[in-house]
Protein backbone atom coordinates (compact mmCIF):
# COMPACT_ATOMS: atom_id res chain seq x y z
CA UNK A 1 28.80 4.15 11.53
CA UNK A 2 28.81 0.39 10.93
CA UNK A 3 25.55 0.10 12.83
CA UNK A 4 23.99 2.85 10.71
CA UNK A 5 25.15 1.15 7.50
CA UNK A 6 23.75 -2.16 8.70
CA UNK A 7 20.39 -0.58 9.46
CA UNK A 8 20.31 1.07 6.02
CA UNK A 9 21.06 -2.28 4.36
CA UNK A 10 18.29 -4.00 6.31
CA UNK A 11 15.78 -1.30 5.35
CA UNK A 12 16.82 -1.53 1.70
CA UNK A 13 16.41 -5.30 1.75
CA UNK A 14 12.94 -4.98 3.27
CA UNK A 15 11.90 -2.48 0.60
CA UNK A 16 13.08 -4.85 -2.13
CA UNK A 17 11.19 -7.73 -0.48
CA UNK A 18 7.97 -5.72 -0.25
CA UNK A 19 8.35 -4.64 -3.87
CA UNK A 20 8.76 -8.25 -4.94
CA UNK A 21 5.53 -9.14 -3.14
CA UNK A 22 3.56 -6.78 -5.36
CA UNK A 23 2.20 -8.33 -8.53
CA UNK A 24 0.58 -6.79 -11.55
CA UNK A 25 -0.34 -9.88 -13.57
CA UNK A 26 -2.88 -12.69 -13.33
CA UNK A 27 -1.84 -15.60 -11.11
CA UNK A 28 -2.73 -19.29 -11.23
CA UNK A 29 -1.83 -21.50 -8.27
CA UNK A 30 -1.83 -25.18 -9.27
CA UNK A 31 -2.57 -28.07 -6.89
CA UNK A 32 1.12 -29.01 -6.55
CA UNK A 33 1.99 -25.46 -5.51
CA UNK A 34 3.33 -24.34 -8.89
CA UNK A 35 2.55 -20.68 -9.63
CA UNK A 36 2.00 -19.22 -13.09
CA UNK A 37 2.02 -15.45 -13.37
CA UNK A 38 1.39 -13.39 -16.49
CA UNK A 39 -1.72 -12.72 -18.53
CA UNK A 40 -4.65 -15.10 -18.85
CA UNK A 41 -5.34 -15.99 -22.48
CA UNK A 42 -8.10 -18.61 -22.34
CA UNK A 43 -9.69 -21.28 -20.17
CA UNK A 44 -11.24 -24.06 -22.19
CA UNK A 45 -11.90 -27.79 -21.73
CA UNK A 46 -9.96 -28.02 -18.46
CA UNK A 47 -6.88 -26.14 -19.66
CA UNK A 48 -5.71 -22.67 -18.61
CA UNK A 49 -3.52 -20.90 -21.17
CA UNK A 50 -1.28 -18.15 -19.77
CA UNK A 51 1.09 -15.85 -21.60
CA UNK A 52 3.91 -17.64 -19.76
CA UNK A 53 2.68 -21.23 -19.86
CA UNK A 54 -0.35 -23.47 -19.39
CA UNK A 55 -1.82 -25.91 -16.89
CA UNK A 56 -4.56 -28.50 -16.70
CA UNK A 57 -7.39 -27.83 -14.22
CA UNK A 58 -10.62 -29.61 -13.28
CA UNK A 59 -13.43 -28.50 -15.55
CA UNK A 60 -15.93 -27.71 -12.80
CA UNK A 61 -15.28 -24.82 -10.41
CA UNK A 62 -16.70 -21.77 -8.68
CA UNK A 63 -16.36 -18.07 -9.51
CA UNK A 64 -16.47 -15.54 -6.64
CA UNK A 65 -17.19 -11.97 -7.75
CA UNK A 66 -16.10 -8.77 -6.01
CA UNK A 67 -19.75 -7.79 -5.46
CA UNK A 68 -20.46 -11.01 -3.53
CA UNK A 69 -22.08 -13.02 -6.31
CA UNK A 70 -20.86 -16.57 -6.84
CA UNK A 71 -21.48 -19.09 -9.62
CA UNK A 72 -20.53 -22.74 -10.09
CA UNK A 73 -20.20 -24.77 -13.25
CA UNK A 74 -17.85 -25.57 -16.11
CA UNK A 75 -15.29 -22.76 -16.18
CA UNK A 76 -14.19 -21.10 -19.40
CA UNK A 77 -12.70 -17.72 -20.29
CA UNK A 78 -11.78 -15.66 -23.34
CA UNK A 79 -11.75 -12.03 -24.43
CA UNK A 80 -11.73 -10.67 -20.88
CA UNK A 81 -14.86 -12.62 -19.85
CA UNK A 82 -15.03 -15.51 -17.40
CA UNK A 83 -17.91 -17.98 -17.68
CA UNK A 84 -19.25 -20.42 -15.11
CA UNK A 85 -22.06 -22.57 -16.42
CA UNK A 86 -24.63 -20.21 -17.94
CA UNK A 87 -23.24 -17.13 -16.13
CA UNK A 88 -20.58 -14.76 -17.50
CA UNK A 89 -18.80 -11.79 -15.90
CA UNK A 90 -15.92 -9.47 -16.82
CA UNK A 91 -12.61 -10.81 -15.56
CA UNK A 92 -11.91 -7.57 -13.67
CA UNK A 93 -15.07 -8.11 -11.58
CA UNK A 94 -13.84 -11.50 -10.30
CA UNK A 95 -12.30 -11.96 -6.84
CA UNK A 96 -11.05 -15.48 -7.57
CA UNK A 97 -11.89 -18.78 -9.25
CA UNK A 98 -11.56 -22.04 -7.31
CA UNK A 99 -11.61 -25.45 -8.94
CA UNK A 100 -12.61 -28.58 -7.07
CA UNK A 101 -15.19 -28.56 -4.28
CA UNK A 102 -17.74 -25.93 -5.26
CA UNK A 103 -20.37 -26.52 -2.56
CA UNK A 104 -21.41 -23.50 -0.48
CA UNK A 105 -23.75 -22.65 2.38
CA UNK A 106 -26.15 -19.77 1.72
CA UNK A 107 -28.34 -18.17 4.37
CA UNK A 108 -30.52 -15.05 4.54
CA UNK A 109 -30.60 -13.62 8.06
CA UNK A 110 -32.22 -10.76 9.97
CA UNK A 111 -29.87 -8.68 12.12
CA UNK A 112 -31.67 -6.51 14.71
CA UNK A 113 -29.95 -3.26 15.69
CA UNK A 114 -31.20 -3.57 19.28
CA UNK A 115 -30.21 -7.17 19.99
CA UNK A 116 -26.40 -7.18 19.83
CA UNK A 117 -24.45 -10.01 18.24
CA UNK A 118 -26.45 -12.56 16.24
CA UNK A 119 -25.16 -16.14 16.31
CA UNK A 120 -25.79 -17.23 12.72
CA UNK A 121 -25.01 -20.91 13.32
CA UNK A 122 -22.72 -20.83 10.27
CA UNK A 123 -19.44 -22.56 11.11
CA UNK A 124 -16.35 -21.30 9.29
CA UNK A 125 -12.78 -22.45 8.96
CA UNK A 126 -9.90 -20.07 8.41
CA UNK A 127 -9.32 -19.51 4.70
CA UNK A 128 -12.87 -20.46 3.71
CA UNK A 129 -14.44 -18.04 1.25
CA UNK A 130 -17.04 -15.72 2.78
CA UNK A 131 -19.42 -13.20 1.21
CA UNK A 132 -21.68 -10.87 3.24
CA UNK A 133 -24.27 -8.56 1.66
CA UNK A 134 -26.59 -6.34 3.68
CA UNK A 135 -29.70 -4.31 2.86
CA UNK A 136 -32.21 -2.33 4.89
CA UNK A 137 -32.38 0.65 7.24
CA UNK A 138 -31.90 1.04 10.98
CA UNK A 139 -32.03 3.94 13.42
CA UNK A 140 -29.34 4.51 16.06
CA UNK A 141 -28.76 7.34 18.53
CA UNK A 142 -26.92 9.19 15.76
CA UNK A 143 -29.62 8.84 13.07
CA UNK A 144 -30.78 6.69 10.15
CA UNK A 145 -28.30 4.29 8.62
CA UNK A 146 -27.82 1.73 5.87
CA UNK A 147 -25.43 -1.26 6.33
CA UNK A 148 -22.63 0.99 5.08
CA UNK A 149 -22.94 3.10 8.25
CA UNK A 150 -23.04 6.82 8.90
CA UNK A 151 -19.83 8.32 7.56
CA UNK A 152 -19.70 11.22 10.03
CA UNK A 153 -20.29 9.24 13.20
CA UNK A 154 -18.13 6.78 15.11
CA UNK A 155 -17.44 6.32 18.79
CA UNK A 156 -14.75 4.82 20.99
CA UNK A 157 -17.51 3.28 23.12
CA UNK A 158 -19.47 1.66 20.28
CA UNK A 159 -19.64 -2.09 19.72
CA UNK A 160 -16.84 -1.89 17.11
CA UNK A 161 -14.85 1.34 17.66
CA UNK A 162 -13.17 1.12 14.25
CA UNK A 163 -16.50 1.05 12.38
CA UNK A 164 -19.02 3.84 11.82
CA UNK A 165 -22.36 4.12 13.59
CA UNK A 166 -24.99 1.81 12.10
CA UNK A 167 -22.50 -0.19 10.04
CA UNK A 168 -23.00 -3.94 9.55
CA UNK A 169 -20.13 -5.76 11.27
CA UNK A 170 -19.08 -9.39 11.77
CA UNK A 171 -16.65 -11.58 13.64
CA UNK A 172 -15.73 -15.25 13.49
CA UNK A 173 -15.92 -16.93 16.89
CA UNK A 174 -16.74 -15.45 20.28
CA UNK A 175 -13.28 -13.94 20.64
CA UNK A 176 -12.72 -13.05 16.97
CA UNK A 177 -11.62 -9.58 15.92
CA UNK A 178 -14.66 -7.60 14.66
CA UNK A 179 -14.61 -6.57 10.99
CA UNK A 180 -16.63 -3.83 9.28
CA UNK A 181 -18.64 -5.47 6.48
CA UNK A 182 -20.76 -2.57 5.24
CA UNK A 183 -23.12 -3.20 2.34
CA UNK A 184 -20.87 -5.84 0.78
CA UNK A 185 -17.79 -7.75 1.98
CA UNK A 186 -15.93 -10.64 0.37
CA UNK A 187 -12.77 -12.43 1.40
CA UNK A 188 -11.39 -15.41 3.26
CA UNK A 189 -12.57 -16.17 6.77
CA UNK A 190 -10.11 -14.61 9.25
CA UNK A 191 -10.45 -17.51 11.70
CA UNK A 192 -12.26 -20.64 12.86
CA UNK A 193 -15.62 -20.51 14.59
CA UNK A 194 -19.23 -19.41 14.30
CA UNK A 195 -20.06 -16.37 12.19
CA UNK A 196 -21.51 -13.55 14.32
CA UNK A 197 -23.28 -10.49 12.85
CA UNK A 198 -24.30 -7.20 14.46
CA UNK A 199 -25.20 -3.57 13.85
CA UNK A 200 -22.55 -1.21 15.19
CA UNK A 201 -24.42 1.02 17.65
CA UNK A 202 -22.89 3.98 19.53
CA UNK A 203 -23.84 2.71 22.99
CA UNK A 204 -23.72 -1.00 23.82
CA UNK A 205 -27.08 -2.10 25.26
CA UNK A 206 -28.83 1.18 24.47
CA UNK A 207 -32.55 1.01 23.80
CA UNK A 208 -32.31 3.87 21.30
CA UNK A 209 -31.46 1.59 18.34
CA UNK A 210 -34.15 -0.11 16.27
CA UNK A 211 -34.71 -1.66 12.86
CA UNK A 212 -33.17 -4.63 11.08
CA UNK A 213 -30.82 -5.43 8.22
CA UNK A 214 -31.47 -8.33 5.88
CA UNK A 215 -28.13 -10.07 5.34
CA UNK A 216 -27.24 -12.72 2.76
CA UNK A 217 -24.25 -14.88 3.71
CA UNK A 218 -22.45 -17.26 1.37
CA UNK A 219 -19.60 -19.45 2.58
CA UNK A 220 -17.61 -22.36 1.23
CA UNK A 221 -14.66 -23.49 -0.93
CA UNK A 222 -11.05 -22.97 0.15
CA UNK A 223 -8.77 -20.87 -1.99
CA UNK A 224 -5.87 -21.22 0.45
CA UNK A 225 -6.22 -24.93 1.29
CA UNK A 226 -3.31 -27.12 0.10
CA UNK A 227 -4.20 -28.85 -3.16
CA UNK A 228 -6.62 -26.16 -4.30
CA UNK A 229 -6.39 -24.79 -7.83
CA UNK A 230 -7.01 -21.05 -7.76
CA UNK A 231 -6.99 -18.22 -10.31
CA UNK A 232 -6.41 -14.67 -9.05
CA UNK A 233 -7.11 -11.91 -11.59
CA UNK A 234 -4.64 -9.01 -11.84
CA UNK A 235 -5.25 -6.30 -9.28
CA UNK A 236 -6.93 -8.73 -6.84
């Protein structure tokens, strides 16, 4: 009985911990590690005003949007809109805002369905922001596909078993875990190494796949690097 009670207590504690990890408000992580959570009021002239406090930030930064777009410039915000230089977007369309180093690498690449993994030559570090956007049409053994893949078809013997046939996929490094990118993917690099891109085909090495995807890759800025100043909108 004591063992059962102990197990119940551990499970309850874990549930409380998981619940505490969930957040519903905006979050600002300052360079010294201080975290502000609440509701963003304004960003103006290097100052972020939250419902629960304020903090000074560098004026120049970079906005990363959920759809893969990214803009750099003087950051300001008010009325549910975030501005970066001459660009403005709704706050709920923003993945994150990073202040500090705003340089990025941007490449447009051609990924051939018949040629396996493409070494892009783009070197990534874990935690570096990465955006992948694909367009085009390919043909695999299971039919015509866009970068999103064919919803009804997947195979345990395909290049990436967890992705659908024809889907645009990527990995970081030769031994990195493959990730399904689809038409658009944004997040932090899952590891260190060279970015590799491919079309997920049902049969590795099959000559039945043809066509190419045009893929735009953007990489740079570290949201998780110590000393970074980062704003995460609610729901991120």
